[in-house]
C-alpha atoms as a PDB file:
ATOM      1  CA  UNK A   1      -2.344  -4.987  -9.010  1.00  0.00           C
ATOM      2  CA  UNK A   2      -2.197  -1.432 -10.607  1.00  0.00           C
ATOM      3  CA  UNK A   3      -3.440   1.905  -9.479  1.00  0.00           C
ATOM      4  CA  UNK A   4      -3.771   3.819  -6.098  1.00  0.00           C
ATOM      5  CA  UNK A   5      -2.406   1.967  -2.966  1.00  0.00           C
ATOM      6  CA  UNK A   6      -4.221   4.086  -0.561  1.00  0.00           C
ATOM      7  CA  UNK A   7      -2.807   4.002   3.077  1.00  0.00           C
ATOM      8  CA  UNK A   8      -4.734   4.937   5.874  1.00  0.00           C
ATOM      9  CA  UNK A   9      -3.347   7.903   8.782  1.00  0.00           C
ATOM     10  CA  UNK A  10      -2.872   7.811  11.669  1.00  0.00           C
ATOM     11  CA  UNK A  11      -6.468   9.051  13.127  1.00  0.00           C
ATOM     12  CA  UNK A  12      -7.736   8.188  16.694  1.00  0.00           C
ATOM     13  CA  UNK A  13     -11.713   9.112  15.457  1.00  0.00           C
ATOM     14  CA  UNK A  14     -13.049   5.656  14.437  1.00  0.00           C
ATOM     15  CA  UNK A  15     -15.992   7.055  12.025  1.00  0.00           C
ATOM     16  CA  UNK A  16     -14.254  10.153  10.464  1.00  0.00           C
ATOM     17  CA  UNK A  17     -11.400   7.208   9.168  1.00  0.00           C
ATOM     18  CA  UNK A  18     -13.936   5.330   7.892  1.00  0.00           C
ATOM     19  CA  UNK A  19     -16.085   8.203   6.616  1.00  0.00           C
ATOM     20  CA  UNK A  20     -12.344   9.139   5.027  1.00  0.00           C
ATOM     21  CA  UNK A  21     -11.772   5.478   3.633  1.00  0.00           C
ATOM     22  CA  UNK A  22     -15.120   5.429   1.671  1.00  0.00           C
ATOM     23  CA  UNK A  23     -14.488   8.465  -0.264  1.00  0.00           C
ATOM     24  CA  UNK A  24     -11.555   6.950  -1.018  1.00  0.00           C
ATOM     25  CA  UNK A  25     -13.108   4.139  -1.935  1.00  0.00           C
ATOM     26  CA  UNK A  26     -15.763   5.651  -3.820  1.00  0.00           C
ATOM     27  CA  UNK A  27     -12.911   7.605  -6.010  1.00  0.00           C
ATOM     28  CA  UNK A  28     -12.154   4.187  -7.231  1.00  0.00           C
ATOM     29  CA  UNK A  29      -9.480   3.251  -5.242  1.00  0.00           C
ATOM     30  CA  UNK A  30      -9.219  -1.226  -5.218  1.00  0.00           C
ATOM     31  CA  UNK A  31      -5.927  -1.384  -2.781  1.00  0.00           C
ATOM     32  CA  UNK A  32      -5.565  -0.041   0.820  1.00  0.00           C
ATOM     33  CA  UNK A  33      -3.415  -0.562   3.688  1.00  0.00           C
ATOM     34  CA  UNK A  34      -4.392  -0.436   6.916  1.00  0.00           C
ATOM     35  CA  UNK A  35      -1.600   0.895   8.793  1.00  0.00           C
ATOM     36  CA  UNK A  36      -2.269   1.729  12.807  1.00  0.00           C
ATOM     37  CA  UNK A  37       0.528   2.613  15.303  1.00  0.00           C
ATOM     38  CA  UNK A  38      -1.321   4.421  17.699  1.00  0.00           C
ATOM     39  CA  UNK A  39      -4.595   2.086  18.658  1.00  0.00           C
ATOM     40  CA  UNK A  40      -4.836  -0.859  20.873  1.00  0.00           C
ATOM     41  CA  UNK A  41      -5.126  -4.060  19.843  1.00  0.00           C
ATOM     42  CA  UNK A  42      -8.322  -4.305  20.755  1.00  0.00           C
ATOM     43  CA  UNK A  43      -9.206  -1.000  18.991  1.00  0.00           C
ATOM     44  CA  UNK A  44      -7.383  -2.417  15.648  1.00  0.00           C
ATOM     45  CA  UNK A  45      -9.308  -5.418  15.973  1.00  0.00           C
ATOM     46  CA  UNK A  46     -12.514  -3.648  15.366  1.00  0.00           C
ATOM     47  CA  UNK A  47     -10.957  -0.789  13.132  1.00  0.00           C
ATOM     48  CA  UNK A  48      -9.590  -3.908  10.536  1.00  0.00           C
ATOM     49  CA  UNK A  49     -13.007  -5.707  10.590  1.00  0.00           C
ATOM     50  CA  UNK A  50     -15.046  -2.314  10.031  1.00  0.00           C
ATOM     51  CA  UNK A  51     -12.703  -1.649   7.017  1.00  0.00           C
ATOM     52  CA  UNK A  52     -12.346  -5.047   5.573  1.00  0.00           C
ATOM     53  CA  UNK A  53     -16.712  -5.099   5.520  1.00  0.00           C
ATOM     54  CA  UNK A  54     -16.085  -1.254   3.333  1.00  0.00           C
ATOM     55  CA  UNK A  55     -13.794  -2.600   0.798  1.00  0.00           C
ATOM     56  CA  UNK A  56     -15.880  -5.967   0.099  1.00  0.00           C
ATOM     57  CA  UNK A  57     -18.764  -3.530  -0.668  1.00  0.00           C
ATOM     58  CA  UNK A  58     -16.250  -1.697  -2.858  1.00  0.00           C
ATOM     59  CA  UNK A  59     -14.940  -4.615  -4.319  1.00  0.00           C
ATOM     60  CA  UNK A  60     -11.444  -3.668  -2.945  1.00  0.00           C
ATOM     61  CA  UNK A  61      -8.772  -5.467  -1.009  1.00  0.00           C
ATOM     62  CA  UNK A  62      -7.428  -4.934   2.167  1.00  0.00           C
ATOM     63  CA  UNK A  63      -3.919  -5.584   3.095  1.00  0.00           C
ATOM     64  CA  UNK A  64      -3.366  -5.488   6.748  1.00  0.00           C
ATOM     65  CA  UNK A  65       0.266  -3.778   7.764  1.00  0.00           C
ATOM     66  CA  UNK A  66       2.669  -6.076   9.991  1.00  0.00           C
ATOM     67  CA  UNK A  67       0.413  -8.162  10.977  1.00  0.00           C
ATOM     68  CA  UNK A  68      -0.526 -11.784   9.965  1.00  0.00           C
ATOM     69  CA  UNK A  69      -2.765 -12.945  12.809  1.00  0.00           C
ATOM     70  CA  UNK A  70      -4.731 -10.079  12.158  1.00  0.00           C
ATOM     71  CA  UNK A  71      -5.346 -10.719   8.278  1.00  0.00           C
ATOM     72  CA  UNK A  72      -6.757 -14.102   9.524  1.00  0.00           C
ATOM     73  CA  UNK A  73      -8.913 -12.819  11.672  1.00  0.00           C
ATOM     74  CA  UNK A  74     -10.541 -10.577   9.803  1.00  0.00           C
ATOM     75  CA  UNK A  75     -10.279 -12.240   6.297  1.00  0.00           C
ATOM     76  CA  UNK A  76      -8.452  -9.391   4.813  1.00  0.00           C
ATOM     77  CA  UNK A  77      -6.943  -9.832   1.124  1.00  0.00           C
ATOM     78  CA  UNK A  78      -3.022  -9.834   2.804  1.00  0.00           C
ATOM     79  CA  UNK A  79      -0.310  -8.417   4.360  1.00  0.00           C
ATOM     80  CA  UNK A  80       2.400  -6.039   4.030  1.00  0.00           C
ATOM     81  CA  UNK A  81       5.508  -6.944   6.018  1.00  0.00           C
ATOM     82  CA  UNK A  82       8.415  -4.464   6.941  1.00  0.00           C
ATOM     83  CA  UNK A  83      12.335  -5.368   7.378  1.00  0.00           C
ATOM     84  CA  UNK A  84      11.306  -6.141  11.224  1.00  0.00           C
ATOM     85  CA  UNK A  85       8.207  -7.731  10.929  1.00  0.00           C
ATOM     86  CA  UNK A  86       8.970 -11.672  10.186  1.00  0.00           C
ATOM     87  CA  UNK A  87       9.661 -13.598   7.221  1.00  0.00           C
ATOM     88  CA  UNK A  88       7.607 -13.910   4.263  1.00  0.00           C
ATOM     89  CA  UNK A  89       8.160 -17.523   4.317  1.00  0.00           C
ATOM     90  CA  UNK A  90       6.497 -18.116   7.769  1.00  0.00           C
ATOM     91  CA  UNK A  91       3.656 -15.598   6.576  1.00  0.00           C
ATOM     92  CA  UNK A  92       2.926 -17.730   3.711  1.00  0.00           C
ATOM     93  CA  UNK A  93       2.529 -20.379   5.363  1.00  0.00           C
ATOM     94  CA  UNK A  94       0.373 -18.891   7.861  1.00  0.00           C
ATOM     95  CA  UNK A  95      -1.779 -17.363   5.001  1.00  0.00           C
ATOM     96  CA  UNK A  96      -1.533 -20.151   2.622  1.00  0.00           C
ATOM     97  CA  UNK A  97      -1.134 -19.595  -1.144  1.00  0.00           C
ATOM     98  CA  UNK A  98      -3.714 -17.531  -2.340  1.00  0.00           C
ATOM     99  CA  UNK A  99      -3.384 -14.341  -0.040  1.00  0.00           C
ATOM    100  CA  UNK A 100      -1.020 -11.303  -0.929  1.00  0.00           C
ATOM    101  CA  UNK A 101       1.836 -10.840   0.596  1.00  0.00           C
ATOM    102  CA  UNK A 102       3.701  -7.543   0.278  1.00  0.00           C
ATOM    103  CA  UNK A 103       7.412  -6.501   1.196  1.00  0.00           C
ATOM    104  CA  UNK A 104       9.020  -3.141   1.682  1.00  0.00           C
ATOM    105  CA  UNK A 105      12.297  -3.474   0.181  1.00  0.00           C
ATOM    106  CA  UNK A 106      13.494   0.106   1.175  1.00  0.00           C
ATOM    107  CA  UNK A 107      15.981   1.566  -1.825  1.00  0.00           C
ATOM    108  CA  UNK A 108      17.622  -2.266  -2.338  1.00  0.00           C
ATOM    109  CA  UNK A 109      17.077  -3.761  -5.136  1.00  0.00           C
ATOM    110  CA  UNK A 110      18.888  -7.057  -3.774  1.00  0.00           C
ATOM    111  CA  UNK A 111      16.184  -7.354  -1.045  1.00  0.00           C
ATOM    112  CA  UNK A 112      13.196  -6.959  -3.463  1.00  0.00           C
ATOM    113  CA  UNK A 113      14.952  -9.672  -5.734  1.00  0.00           C
ATOM    114  CA  UNK A 114      15.015 -12.207  -2.530  1.00  0.00           C
ATOM    115  CA  UNK A 115      11.857 -11.433  -1.803  1.00  0.00           C
ATOM    116  CA  UNK A 116      10.357 -12.380  -4.691  1.00  0.00           C
ATOM    117  CA  UNK A 117      12.064 -15.519  -4.420  1.00  0.00           C
ATOM    118  CA  UNK A 118      10.486 -15.884  -0.762  1.00  0.00           C
ATOM    119  CA  UNK A 119       6.848 -15.366  -2.005  1.00  0.00           C
ATOM    120  CA  UNK A 120       6.397 -11.898  -2.090  1.00  0.00           C
ATOM    121  CA  UNK A 121       3.544 -10.962  -4.432  1.00  0.00           C
ATOM    122  CA  UNK A 122       4.203  -7.304  -4.800  1.00  0.00           C
ATOM    123  CA  UNK A 123       7.288  -5.236  -3.631  1.00  0.00           C
ATOM    124  CA  UNK A 124       7.448  -1.971  -2.220  1.00  0.00           C
ATOM    125  CA  UNK A 125      10.332   0.880  -2.974  1.00  0.00           C
ATOM    126  CA  UNK A 126      10.741   4.037  -0.835  1.00  0.00           C
ATOM    127  CA  UNK A 127      10.835   7.249  -0.423  1.00  0.00           C
ATOM    128  CA  UNK A 128       9.965   8.160  -3.808  1.00  0.00           C
ATOM    129  CA  UNK A 129      10.506  11.574  -2.342  1.00  0.00           C
ATOM    130  CA  UNK A 130      10.920  13.661   0.883  1.00  0.00           C
ATOM    131  CA  UNK A 131       7.949  11.922   3.290  1.00  0.00           C
ATOM    132  CA  UNK A 132       6.694  14.059   5.888  1.00  0.00           C
ATOM    133  CA  UNK A 133       5.430  10.205   7.840  1.00  0.00           C
ATOM    134  CA  UNK A 134       9.321   8.971   7.474  1.00  0.00           C
ATOM    135  CA  UNK A 135      11.545  12.160   6.937  1.00  0.00           C
ATOM    136  CA  UNK A 136      14.422  10.706   7.403  1.00  0.00           C
ATOM    137  CA  UNK A 137      14.175   7.543   4.944  1.00  0.00           C
ATOM    138  CA  UNK A 138      16.884   6.691   2.047  1.00  0.00           C
ATOM    139  CA  UNK A 139      15.503   8.034  -1.344  1.00  0.00           C
ATOM    140  CA  UNK A 140      14.572   5.229  -3.827  1.00  0.00           C
ATOM    141  CA  UNK A 141      15.580   6.679  -7.062  1.00  0.00           C
ATOM    142  CA  UNK A 142      13.576   6.800 -10.214  1.00  0.00           C
ATOM    143  CA  UNK A 143      16.215   4.362 -11.988  1.00  0.00           C
ATOM    144  CA  UNK A 144      15.347   1.473  -9.299  1.00  0.00           C
ATOM    145  CA  UNK A 145      11.863   1.628 -10.384  1.00  0.00           C
ATOM    146  CA  UNK A 146      12.650   1.825 -14.027  1.00  0.00           C
ATOM    147  CA  UNK A 147      15.344  -1.152 -13.956  1.00  0.00           C
ATOM    148  CA  UNK A 148      12.185  -3.101 -11.811  1.00  0.00           C
ATOM    149  CA  UNK A 149      10.337  -2.913 -14.455  1.00  0.00           C
ATOM    150  CA  UNK A 150      12.466  -5.455 -16.717  1.00  0.00           C
ATOM    151  CA  UNK A 151      13.966  -7.402 -13.861  1.00  0.00           C
ATOM    152  CA  UNK A 152      11.078  -7.852 -11.245  1.00  0.00           C
ATOM    153  CA  UNK A 153       8.483  -9.957 -12.676  1.00  0.00           C
ATOM    154  CA  UNK A 154       5.445  -8.775  -9.332  1.00  0.00           C
ATOM    155  CA  UNK A 155       3.591  -5.829  -9.039  1.00  0.00           C
ATOM    156  CA  UNK A 156       6.152  -2.470  -7.753  1.00  0.00           C
ATOM    157  CA  UNK A 157       4.811   0.122  -5.490  1.00  0.00           C
ATOM    158  CA  UNK A 158       6.686   3.480  -5.145  1.00  0.00           C
ATOM    159  CA  UNK A 159       5.868   5.111  -1.882  1.00  0.00           C
ATOM    160  CA  UNK A 160       7.355   8.205   0.365  1.00  0.00           C
ATOM    161  CA  UNK A 161       6.415  11.589  -0.637  1.00  0.00           C
ATOM    162  CA  UNK A 162       4.066  10.765  -3.321  1.00  0.00           C
ATOM    163  CA  UNK A 163       1.262  13.696  -4.310  1.00  0.00           C
ATOM    164  CA  UNK A 164      -0.948  14.073  -7.972  1.00  0.00           C
ATOM    165  CA  UNK A 165       2.075  16.665  -9.082  1.00  0.00           C
ATOM    166  CA  UNK A 166       4.660  14.116  -8.967  1.00  0.00           C
ATOM    167  CA  UNK A 167       3.233  10.583  -9.111  1.00  0.00           C
ATOM    168  CA  UNK A 168       3.039  10.259 -13.210  1.00  0.00           C
ATOM    169  CA  UNK A 169       7.163   9.896 -13.555  1.00  0.00           C
ATOM    170  CA  UNK A 170       6.645   7.255 -11.557  1.00  0.00           C
ATOM    171  CA  UNK A 171       3.697   5.456 -13.341  1.00  0.00           C
ATOM    172  CA  UNK A 172       6.131   6.244 -16.565  1.00  0.00           C
ATOM    173  CA  UNK A 173       8.693   4.117 -15.072  1.00  0.00           C
ATOM    174  CA  UNK A 174       6.520   0.990 -14.673  1.00  0.00           C
ATOM    175  CA  UNK A 175       5.509   1.395 -11.162  1.00  0.00           C
ATOM    176  CA  UNK A 176       2.125  -0.437 -10.664  1.00  0.00           C
ATOM    177  CA  UNK A 177       1.288   1.018  -7.456  1.00  0.00           C
ATOM    178  CA  UNK A 178       1.537   4.505  -5.637  1.00  0.00           C
ATOM    179  CA  UNK A 179       0.930   4.021  -1.678  1.00  0.00           C
ATOM    180  CA  UNK A 180      -0.378   7.634  -0.866  1.00  0.00           C
ATOM    181  CA  UNK A 181      -1.285   9.008   2.246  1.00  0.00           C
ATOM    182  CA  UNK A 182      -0.920  12.684   3.261  1.00  0.00           C
ATOM    183  CA  UNK A 183      -2.058  14.049  -0.122  1.00  0.00           C
ATOM    184  CA  UNK A 184      -4.764  11.503  -0.200  1.00  0.00           C
ATOM    185  CA  UNK A 185      -6.319  11.763   2.947  1.00  0.00           C
ATOM    186  CA  UNK A 186      -5.487  15.919   3.550  1.00  0.00           C
ATOM    187  CA  UNK A 187      -7.296  16.749   0.412  1.00  0.00           C
ATOM    188  CA  UNK A 188     -10.658  18.694   0.104  1.00  0.00           C
ATOM    189  CA  UNK A 189     -12.404  16.347  -1.761  1.00  0.00           C
ATOM    190  CA  UNK A 190     -10.595  13.096  -0.968  1.00  0.00           C
ATOM    191  CA  UNK A 191     -13.235  10.980  -3.003  1.00  0.00           C
ATOM    192  CA  UNK A 192     -11.726  13.585  -6.690  1.00  0.00           C
ATOM    193  CA  UNK A 193      -8.087  13.483  -5.480  1.00  0.00           C
ATOM    194  CA  UNK A 194      -8.476   9.277  -5.329  1.00  0.00           C
ATOM    195  CA  UNK A 195     -10.356   9.350  -8.854  1.00  0.00           C
ATOM    196  CA  UNK A 196      -7.318  11.592 -10.226  1.00  0.00           C
ATOM    197  CA  UNK A 197      -4.530   8.982  -8.870  1.00  0.00           C
ATOM    198  CA  UNK A 198      -6.329   6.214 -10.333  1.00  0.00           C
ATOM    199  CA  UNK A 199      -6.658   8.444 -14.157  1.00  0.00           C
ATOM    200  CA  UNK A 200      -2.849   8.513 -14.025  1.00  0.00           C
ATOM    201  CA  UNK A 201      -2.632   4.899 -14.422  1.00  0.00           C
ATOM    202  CA  UNK A 202      -5.971   4.463 -16.767  1.00  0.00           C
ATOM    203  CA  UNK A 203      -4.233   7.580 -19.253  1.00  0.00           C
ATOM    204  CA  UNK A 204      -0.033   5.682 -18.506  1.00  0.00           C
ATOM    205  CA  UNK A 205      -1.243   2.315 -19.705  1.00  0.00           C
ATOM    206  CA  UNK A 206       2.032   0.002 -20.245  1.00  0.00           C
END
């Protein structure tokens, strides 16, 4: 796993959400997380199914935030779990060995090490920068990402306040995935912004 990791914004208009995600995928993004805190369970099921179809058409992987059962229902690539979303081991038992499990580790290296030992396929740290989505989130310093490059043997994701202007130091520090919401989905040309993020990785190969 490497490159732009797009996370869906809160959006009540499903056609507009799908149009925006389609632009992200057209720009070269190959990892999408469906995160939805405002829709009903029925709406989430419908949206997740539509996003899974869209991702398959583009050869991209869909990760579902929080909901292991929804991953199975729509045949998504995997799940992302936070601190309060259940155990990684239980998720692995339900999903089997082939699906991806990501873990939020906030700004704590030991949490990441435990997550990897429990079977996480990637770990996420944040907030890398002040975040409009989670303004109270603890900061994950650049040194933490650099440490992971040598001590953590799975892809490392950075999230929180990331923009095209500040993403390069994270990639240079060894981050495999840049998780982006606002700077991507609010861009005047979403496909072009996604392509620009992908170029950060193409031009800074490890």
